[in-house]
Amino acid sequence: MTPRASRKGSADSRCPSCSAPLITQWVGNTLALKVSTDGTPLTAAEQDATRTPNRLIWCLRHSDRTPPRLTWIHTPHPADCPHPHVTDHQCPPAEPSTLF
């Protein structure tokens, strides 16, 4: 049985295409998005290089009392946020294969 993602925490899962470990979770209250992110935290420079209109950066908030929870990083997000930041998962390009 596959673990389910919930708003209270994230499900440990793997990408069905490339088998990369993912954090999958519903994010939002009214119009929730199902988000699958890479689990590797990004530096500030990596965030700037990775962010596009179609690829968002997420803050992985957690504490000793609560499970990890993804929140969207937007303009009022603190610059000195102590939590790891991750991005939407995109499978790496497939290696070219030869038919002959």
Protein backbone atom coordinates (compact mmCIF):
# COMPACT_ATOMS: atom_id res chain seq x y z
CA MET A 1 0.00 0.00 0.00
CA THR A 2 1.36 3.44 -0.95
CA PRO A 3 1.50 6.10 1.80
CA ARG A 4 -0.85 9.00 1.23
CA ALA A 5 0.19 12.64 1.23
CA SER A 6 -1.70 14.85 3.63
CA ARG A 7 -1.75 18.47 4.63
CA LYS A 8 -0.38 17.45 8.03
CA GLY A 9 2.82 16.03 6.63
CA SER A 10 4.45 14.63 3.55
CA ALA A 11 4.41 11.17 2.10
CA ASP A 12 7.69 9.51 1.30
CA SER A 13 7.46 8.58 -2.35
CA ARG A 14 9.52 8.08 -5.47
CA CYS A 15 9.09 9.46 -8.96
CA PRO A 16 7.51 6.76 -11.14
CA SER A 17 9.73 7.78 -14.09
CA CYS A 18 13.20 8.31 -12.61
CA SER A 19 12.81 6.82 -9.08
CA ALA A 20 14.12 10.00 -7.40
CA PRO A 21 12.97 10.44 -3.78
CA LEU A 22 10.19 13.02 -3.55
CA ILE A 23 8.26 14.98 -0.96
CA THR A 24 4.61 14.94 -2.05
CA GLN A 25 1.96 17.00 -0.31
CA TRP A 26 -1.25 18.96 -0.85
CA VAL A 27 -0.45 22.67 -0.31
CA GLY A 28 -3.11 25.31 0.30
CA ASN A 29 -6.50 25.57 1.93
CA THR A 30 -9.11 26.56 -0.65
CA LEU A 31 -7.51 25.71 -4.00
CA ALA A 32 -4.84 23.23 -2.98
CA LEU A 33 -2.04 22.12 -5.28
CA LYS A 34 -0.57 18.65 -5.20
CA VAL A 35 3.15 19.37 -5.03
CA SER A 36 6.01 16.92 -5.59
CA THR A 37 9.41 18.33 -4.73
CA ASP A 38 12.95 17.11 -4.68
CA GLY A 39 14.14 16.54 -1.14
CA THR A 40 17.52 18.21 -1.67
CA PRO A 41 17.72 21.68 -0.08
CA LEU A 42 18.82 24.53 -2.38
CA THR A 43 21.22 27.38 -1.67
CA ALA A 44 20.08 30.95 -2.42
CA ALA A 45 22.04 30.92 -5.71
CA GLU A 46 20.51 27.57 -6.72
CA GLN A 47 17.02 28.94 -5.94
CA ASP A 48 17.59 31.95 -8.22
CA ALA A 49 18.90 29.73 -11.03
CA THR A 50 16.06 27.19 -10.68
CA ARG A 51 13.04 29.48 -10.20
CA THR A 52 10.87 30.05 -13.29
CA PRO A 53 7.18 30.99 -13.67
CA ASN A 54 6.43 27.26 -13.94
CA ARG A 55 8.89 25.98 -11.35
CA LEU A 56 8.34 27.27 -7.84
CA ILE A 57 10.47 27.21 -4.72
CA TRP A 58 8.95 25.79 -1.53
CA CYS A 59 9.86 26.26 2.13
CA LEU A 60 9.94 22.97 4.05
CA ARG A 61 8.80 24.11 7.50
CA HIS A 62 9.26 21.73 10.40
CA SER A 63 9.85 21.64 14.11
CA ASP A 64 10.21 19.06 16.84
CA ARG A 65 6.43 19.11 17.39
CA THR A 66 5.14 19.16 13.80
CA PRO A 67 5.75 17.07 10.68
CA PRO A 68 7.38 18.72 7.65
CA ARG A 69 4.99 21.03 5.76
CA LEU A 70 5.56 22.69 2.39
CA THR A 71 4.67 26.37 1.99
CA TRP A 72 5.09 28.46 -1.13
CA ILE A 73 7.89 31.04 -0.98
CA HIS A 74 6.48 34.42 -1.94
CA THR A 75 7.53 38.05 -1.61
CA PRO A 76 7.09 38.54 2.16
CA HIS A 77 9.07 35.36 2.92
CA PRO A 78 11.90 36.21 5.35
CA ALA A 79 15.35 36.35 3.78
CA ASP A 80 16.88 34.67 6.86
CA CYS A 81 14.40 31.75 6.92
CA PRO A 82 16.00 28.84 8.85
CA HIS A 83 14.09 26.12 6.97
CA PRO A 84 15.35 24.24 3.91
CA HIS A 85 14.03 25.38 0.52
CA VAL A 86 13.25 22.86 -2.22
CA THR A 87 11.88 23.03 -5.77
CA ASP A 88 9.31 21.20 -7.88
CA HIS A 89 10.60 17.89 -9.16
CA GLN A 90 11.56 17.59 -12.82
CA CYS A 91 12.96 14.34 -14.12
CA PRO A 92 16.51 14.61 -15.50
CA PRO A 93 16.77 14.37 -19.28
CA ALA A 94 16.77 10.81 -20.51
CA GLU A 95 20.03 9.48 -21.81
CA PRO A 96 19.94 9.04 -25.58
CA SER A 97 19.41 5.50 -26.65
CA THR A 98 20.44 3.93 -29.92
CA LEU A 99 18.11 1.73 -31.86
CA PHE A 100 20.95 -0.18 -33.53
